[in-house]
C-alpha atoms as a PDB file:
ATOM      1  CA  MET A   1       0.016   0.200  -0.006  1.00  0.00           C
ATOM      2  CA  ASP A   2       1.611   3.340  -0.941  1.00  0.00           C
ATOM      3  CA  ILE A   3      -0.028   5.637   1.558  1.00  0.00           C
ATOM      4  CA  TRP A   4       2.489   8.441   0.616  1.00  0.00           C
ATOM      5  CA  ALA A   5       0.364   8.972  -2.492  1.00  0.00           C
ATOM      6  CA  HIS A   6      -2.205  10.142  -0.168  1.00  0.00           C
ATOM      7  CA  ILE A   7      -0.524  11.767   2.586  1.00  0.00           C
ATOM      8  CA  ASN A   8       2.682  13.329   1.010  1.00  0.00           C
ATOM      9  CA  PHE A   9       3.307  17.160   1.383  1.00  0.00           C
ATOM     10  CA  LYS A  10       6.301  19.186   0.515  1.00  0.00           C
ATOM     11  CA  ARG A  11       5.860  21.703   3.343  1.00  0.00           C
ATOM     12  CA  ALA A  12       5.070  20.816   6.951  1.00  0.00           C
ATOM     13  CA  THR A  13       2.404  23.531   7.328  1.00  0.00           C
ATOM     14  CA  ARG A  14      -0.142  22.913   9.908  1.00  0.00           C
ATOM     15  CA  GLU A  15      -2.850  22.453   7.193  1.00  0.00           C
ATOM     16  CA  ASN A  16      -0.699  19.978   5.422  1.00  0.00           C
ATOM     17  CA  ARG A  17      -0.224  17.864   8.590  1.00  0.00           C
ATOM     18  CA  GLU A  18      -3.797  17.936   9.296  1.00  0.00           C
ATOM     19  CA  ASN A  19      -4.827  16.977   6.077  1.00  0.00           C
ATOM     20  CA  ALA A  20      -2.494  13.818   6.348  1.00  0.00           C
ATOM     21  CA  ALA A  21      -3.768  13.060   9.713  1.00  0.00           C
ATOM     22  CA  ILE A  22      -7.399  13.323   8.610  1.00  0.00           C
ATOM     23  CA  TRP A  23      -6.778  10.960   5.960  1.00  0.00           C
ATOM     24  CA  MET A  24      -4.817   8.415   7.972  1.00  0.00           C
ATOM     25  CA  LEU A  25      -7.638   8.739  10.625  1.00  0.00           C
ATOM     26  CA  ASP A  26     -10.112   7.607   7.977  1.00  0.00           C
ATOM     27  CA  HIS A  27      -8.021   5.011   6.820  1.00  0.00           C
ATOM     28  CA  PRO A  28      -6.623   3.033  10.108  1.00  0.00           C
ATOM     29  CA  GLU A  29      -5.723   0.200   8.173  1.00  0.00           C
ATOM     30  CA  ALA A  30      -2.843   2.116   6.639  1.00  0.00           C
ATOM     31  CA  LEU A  31      -1.418   3.023  10.437  1.00  0.00           C
ATOM     32  CA  PRO A  32       0.968  -0.024  10.422  1.00  0.00           C
ATOM     33  CA  TYR A  33       2.576   1.172   6.872  1.00  0.00           C
ATOM     34  CA  LEU A  34       2.881   4.634   8.345  1.00  0.00           C
ATOM     35  CA  ILE A  35       4.732   3.053  11.724  1.00  0.00           C
ATOM     36  CA  LYS A  36       7.070   0.967   9.500  1.00  0.00           C
ATOM     37  CA  THR A  37       8.753   4.227   8.336  1.00  0.00           C
ATOM     38  CA  LEU A  38       9.851   4.795  11.889  1.00  0.00           C
ATOM     39  CA  ASP A  39      11.000   1.175  12.086  1.00  0.00           C
ATOM     40  CA  ARG A  40      13.578   1.494   9.401  1.00  0.00           C
ATOM     41  CA  SER A  41      17.159   1.438  10.495  1.00  0.00           C
ATOM     42  CA  THR A  42      18.744   4.900  10.820  1.00  0.00           C
ATOM     43  CA  GLU A  43      22.405   4.055  10.028  1.00  0.00           C
ATOM     44  CA  HIS A  44      22.393   4.592   6.236  1.00  0.00           C
ATOM     45  CA  ASN A  45      19.303   6.514   5.700  1.00  0.00           C
ATOM     46  CA  THR A  46      18.965   8.745   2.533  1.00  0.00           C
ATOM     47  CA  ARG A  47      17.877  12.224   2.972  1.00  0.00           C
ATOM     48  CA  LYS A  48      14.442  11.151   1.568  1.00  0.00           C
ATOM     49  CA  GLU A  49      14.145   8.380   4.155  1.00  0.00           C
ATOM     50  CA  ASP A  50      14.916  10.850   6.834  1.00  0.00           C
ATOM     51  CA  ALA A  51      12.517  13.349   5.393  1.00  0.00           C
ATOM     52  CA  LEU A  52       9.743  10.541   5.594  1.00  0.00           C
ATOM     53  CA  LYS A  53      10.458   9.795   9.009  1.00  0.00           C
ATOM     54  CA  VAL A  54      10.044  13.475  10.012  1.00  0.00           C
ATOM     55  CA  LYS A  55       6.718  13.643   7.907  1.00  0.00           C
ATOM     56  CA  THR A  56       5.759  10.480  10.021  1.00  0.00           C
ATOM     57  CA  ALA A  57       6.384  11.875  13.297  1.00  0.00           C
ATOM     58  CA  TYR A  58       4.596  14.930  12.225  1.00  0.00           C
ATOM     59  CA  ILE A  59       1.472  13.124  11.017  1.00  0.00           C
ATOM     60  CA  LEU A  60       1.429  10.717  14.134  1.00  0.00           C
ATOM     61  CA  GLU A  61       1.633  13.892  16.361  1.00  0.00           C
ATOM     62  CA  MET A  62      -1.494  15.372  14.355  1.00  0.00           C
ATOM     63  CA  MET A  63      -3.268  12.316  14.701  1.00  0.00           C
ATOM     64  CA  ALA A  64      -2.571  12.019  18.465  1.00  0.00           C
ATOM     65  CA  VAL A  65      -3.956  15.845  18.805  1.00  0.00           C
ATOM     66  CA  LYS A  66      -7.025  15.103  17.093  1.00  0.00           C
ATOM     67  CA  ASP A  67      -7.711  11.486  18.301  1.00  0.00           C
ATOM     68  CA  LEU A  68      -5.189   9.846  20.553  1.00  0.00           C
ATOM     69  CA  SER A  69      -7.273   6.781  20.746  1.00  0.00           C
ATOM     70  CA  SER A  70      -6.587   5.918  17.156  1.00  0.00           C
ATOM     71  CA  LEU A  71      -2.772   5.521  17.963  1.00  0.00           C
ATOM     72  CA  ALA A  72      -3.467   3.406  21.253  1.00  0.00           C
ATOM     73  CA  PRO A  73      -2.333   0.149  19.932  1.00  0.00           C
ATOM     74  CA  GLU A  74       0.891   1.663  18.602  1.00  0.00           C
ATOM     75  CA  LEU A  75       1.774   3.835  21.792  1.00  0.00           C
ATOM     76  CA  PRO A  76       3.941   1.103  23.385  1.00  0.00           C
ATOM     77  CA  HIS A  77       5.850   0.647  20.168  1.00  0.00           C
ATOM     78  CA  ILE A  78       6.230   4.265  19.603  1.00  0.00           C
ATOM     79  CA  ALA A  79       7.662   4.757  22.937  1.00  0.00           C
ATOM     80  CA  ARG A  80      10.239   1.945  22.450  1.00  0.00           C
ATOM     81  CA  LEU A  81      11.298   3.560  19.345  1.00  0.00           C
ATOM     82  CA  LEU A  82      12.379   6.959  20.900  1.00  0.00           C
ATOM     83  CA  PRO A  83      15.888   6.013  21.760  1.00  0.00           C
ATOM     84  CA  HIS A  84      16.535   4.900  18.352  1.00  0.00           C
ATOM     85  CA  LEU A  85      15.487   8.117  16.504  1.00  0.00           C
ATOM     86  CA  ASN A  86      17.997  10.753  16.683  1.00  0.00           C
ATOM     87  CA  SER A  87      16.329  13.711  14.936  1.00  0.00           C
ATOM     88  CA  ASP A  88      14.914  16.723  17.204  1.00  0.00           C
ATOM     89  CA  SER A  89      12.085  17.168  14.992  1.00  0.00           C
ATOM     90  CA  ILE A  90      10.946  13.424  15.381  1.00  0.00           C
ATOM     91  CA  GLN A  91      11.782  13.410  19.009  1.00  0.00           C
ATOM     92  CA  ARG A  92       9.772  16.589  19.514  1.00  0.00           C
ATOM     93  CA  ALA A  93       6.796  15.149  17.961  1.00  0.00           C
ATOM     94  CA  LEU A  94       6.975  11.706  19.308  1.00  0.00           C
ATOM     95  CA  LEU A  95       7.666  12.983  23.028  1.00  0.00           C
ATOM     96  CA  HIS A  96       4.688  15.177  22.490  1.00  0.00           C
ATOM     97  CA  ILE A  97       2.554  12.155  21.514  1.00  0.00           C
ATOM     98  CA  THR A  98       3.923  10.511  24.897  1.00  0.00           C
ATOM     99  CA  THR A  99       2.745  13.544  27.048  1.00  0.00           C
ATOM    100  CA  LEU A 100      -0.768  13.232  25.416  1.00  0.00           C
ATOM    101  CA  TRP A 101      -0.606   9.436  26.411  1.00  0.00           C
ATOM    102  CA  LEU A 102       0.727   9.929  29.756  1.00  0.00           C
ATOM    103  CA  ALA A 103      -1.208  12.980  31.091  1.00  0.00           C
ATOM    104  CA  PRO A 104      -4.385  11.271  32.211  1.00  0.00           C
ATOM    105  CA  LEU A 105      -3.636   9.466  35.418  1.00  0.00           C
ATOM    106  CA  GLU A 106      -5.469   6.246  34.472  1.00  0.00           C
ATOM    107  CA  SER A 107      -2.773   5.886  31.599  1.00  0.00           C
ATOM    108  CA  MET A 108      -0.325   4.680  34.176  1.00  0.00           C
ATOM    109  CA  ASP A 109      -2.451   1.549  34.599  1.00  0.00           C
ATOM    110  CA  SER A 110      -2.126   0.451  30.980  1.00  0.00           C
ATOM    111  CA  LEU A 111       1.907   0.864  30.933  1.00  0.00           C
ATOM    112  CA  ASP A 112       4.027  -2.095  31.031  1.00  0.00           C
ATOM    113  CA  SER A 113       7.306  -1.911  33.223  1.00  0.00           C
ATOM    114  CA  GLU A 114       9.443  -2.200  29.991  1.00  0.00           C
ATOM    115  CA  VAL A 115       7.601   0.933  28.521  1.00  0.00           C
ATOM    116  CA  ILE A 116       8.103   2.729  31.714  1.00  0.00           C
ATOM    117  CA  GLU A 117      11.935   1.928  31.936  1.00  0.00           C
ATOM    118  CA  VAL A 118      12.357   2.941  28.431  1.00  0.00           C
ATOM    119  CA  LEU A 119      10.607   6.252  28.841  1.00  0.00           C
ATOM    120  CA  THR A 120      12.120   7.081  31.929  1.00  0.00           C
ATOM    121  CA  GLU A 121      15.713   6.499  30.664  1.00  0.00           C
ATOM    122  CA  HIS A 122      15.139   8.192  27.413  1.00  0.00           C
ATOM    123  CA  CYS A 123      13.780  11.196  29.077  1.00  0.00           C
ATOM    124  CA  PHE A 124      16.583  11.396  31.670  1.00  0.00           C
ATOM    125  CA  ASP A 125      18.971  11.009  28.790  1.00  0.00           C
ATOM    126  CA  LYS A 126      17.568  14.119  26.999  1.00  0.00           C
ATOM    127  CA  LEU A 127      17.894  16.264  30.077  1.00  0.00           C
ATOM    128  CA  ILE A 128      21.390  14.718  31.332  1.00  0.00           C
ATOM    129  CA  LYS A 129      23.244  13.296  28.303  1.00  0.00           C
ATOM    130  CA  LYS A 130      21.677  15.429  25.484  1.00  0.00           C
ATOM    131  CA  PRO A 131      22.140  19.084  26.636  1.00  0.00           C
ATOM    132  CA  GLU A 132      22.289  20.297  23.206  1.00  0.00           C
ATOM    133  CA  ALA A 133      18.583  18.746  22.554  1.00  0.00           C
ATOM    134  CA  ALA A 134      16.221  21.425  21.398  1.00  0.00           C
ATOM    135  CA  VAL A 135      14.228  22.987  24.179  1.00  0.00           C
ATOM    136  CA  ALA A 136      10.827  21.458  22.875  1.00  0.00           C
ATOM    137  CA  VAL A 137      12.450  17.965  22.932  1.00  0.00           C
ATOM    138  CA  GLN A 138      13.603  18.567  26.690  1.00  0.00           C
ATOM    139  CA  ALA A 139      10.270  20.441  27.825  1.00  0.00           C
ATOM    140  CA  HIS A 140       8.300  17.256  26.602  1.00  0.00           C
ATOM    141  CA  ALA A 141      10.860  14.954  28.363  1.00  0.00           C
ATOM    142  CA  MET A 142      10.391  16.840  31.678  1.00  0.00           C
ATOM    143  CA  SER A 143       6.530  16.584  31.277  1.00  0.00           C
ATOM    144  CA  CYS A 144       6.870  12.756  30.556  1.00  0.00           C
ATOM    145  CA  LEU A 145       9.046  12.219  33.608  1.00  0.00           C
ATOM    146  CA  TYR A 146       6.644  14.146  35.700  1.00  0.00           C
ATOM    147  CA  TYR A 147       3.715  12.055  34.556  1.00  0.00           C
ATOM    148  CA  LEU A 148       5.983   8.791  34.993  1.00  0.00           C
ATOM    149  CA  SER A 149       6.704  10.106  38.531  1.00  0.00           C
ATOM    150  CA  ARG A 150       3.146   9.669  39.534  1.00  0.00           C
ATOM    151  CA  ALA A 151       3.705   5.743  39.090  1.00  0.00           C
ATOM    152  CA  ASN A 152       7.200   5.917  40.205  1.00  0.00           C
ATOM    153  CA  SER A 153       7.879   8.318  42.878  1.00  0.00           C
ATOM    154  CA  TRP A 154      11.658   7.859  42.974  1.00  0.00           C
ATOM    155  CA  ILE A 155      11.757   9.968  39.919  1.00  0.00           C
ATOM    156  CA  LYS A 156      10.600  13.053  41.607  1.00  0.00           C
ATOM    157  CA  GLU A 157      13.807  13.893  43.585  1.00  0.00           C
ATOM    158  CA  PRO A 158      16.295  13.443  40.617  1.00  0.00           C
ATOM    159  CA  LEU A 159      13.988  15.308  38.237  1.00  0.00           C
ATOM    160  CA  ALA A 160      13.739  18.303  40.496  1.00  0.00           C
ATOM    161  CA  ASP A 161      17.642  18.170  41.262  1.00  0.00           C
ATOM    162  CA  ILE A 162      18.390  18.255  37.656  1.00  0.00           C
ATOM    163  CA  LEU A 163      15.825  20.945  36.679  1.00  0.00           C
ATOM    164  CA  ILE A 164      17.043  23.282  39.810  1.00  0.00           C
ATOM    165  CA  LYS A 165      20.629  22.657  38.628  1.00  0.00           C
ATOM    166  CA  GLN A 166      20.129  23.370  34.841  1.00  0.00           C
ATOM    167  CA  MET A 167      17.674  26.237  34.952  1.00  0.00           C
ATOM    168  CA  PRO A 168      20.195  29.132  35.523  1.00  0.00           C
ATOM    169  CA  GLU A 169      22.268  28.370  32.302  1.00  0.00           C
ATOM    170  CA  LYS A 170      19.135  27.485  30.108  1.00  0.00           C
ATOM    171  CA  ASN A 171      17.032  29.643  28.090  1.00  0.00           C
ATOM    172  CA  PRO A 172      13.736  31.039  29.000  1.00  0.00           C
ATOM    173  CA  GLY A 173      11.569  28.259  27.479  1.00  0.00           C
ATOM    174  CA  TYR A 174      13.427  25.700  29.556  1.00  0.00           C
ATOM    175  CA  GLN A 175      13.339  27.849  32.621  1.00  0.00           C
ATOM    176  CA  ALA A 176       9.251  28.299  32.071  1.00  0.00           C
ATOM    177  CA  ARG A 177       8.776  24.557  31.877  1.00  0.00           C
ATOM    178  CA  ALA A 178      11.152  23.662  34.595  1.00  0.00           C
ATOM    179  CA  ARG A 179       9.463  26.139  36.877  1.00  0.00           C
ATOM    180  CA  HIS A 180       5.941  24.608  35.946  1.00  0.00           C
ATOM    181  CA  ILE A 181       7.245  21.062  36.450  1.00  0.00           C
ATOM    182  CA  LEU A 182       8.994  21.994  39.719  1.00  0.00           C
ATOM    183  CA  LYS A 183       5.655  23.548  41.113  1.00  0.00           C
ATOM    184  CA  GLN A 184       3.755  20.452  40.062  1.00  0.00           C
ATOM    185  CA  LEU A 185       6.220  18.209  41.950  1.00  0.00           C
ATOM    186  CA  SER A 186       6.017  20.570  45.114  1.00  0.00           C
ATOM    187  CA  GLN A 187       2.204  20.232  45.078  1.00  0.00           C
ATOM    188  CA  GLU A 188       2.185  16.362  45.469  1.00  0.00           C
END
């Protein structure tokens, strides 16, 4: 099935991403084909393959915004893929999906321990080992860790320590999200 004949776009405008997401939502049988684009090895990708991965992440993100339940069966798989995808654009989009998934308290009941471990390690890596990651990536990583801390309370203390330590040297966007997360952590 060549889904790209239906959802390909040259510019990632909101309208183009929405149109592609709507087509995908109307054709749920095509979702596995879209997800396969992310599964491909990243070692020897061509620019075209990298561009398709970014478009895939953007389309999945817009699908999640419009109807997160449409991605429900694929969410654990997407979470496991995160550490293997290096592009900040892809990371931002997929971590946004993950924050939407983890935000409802009841979502913690559906997570298996492997997904929790992968997400926790990956998000801490984005804050500690990848300080050059885009602010939007780090902001979504902070939010994911906060949501995960509701199931694993041990996350709260190291997350707060990292945010407090890094805030002075980071830009205003990072600082704003860090203050928000610290406030949420202190209210629990």
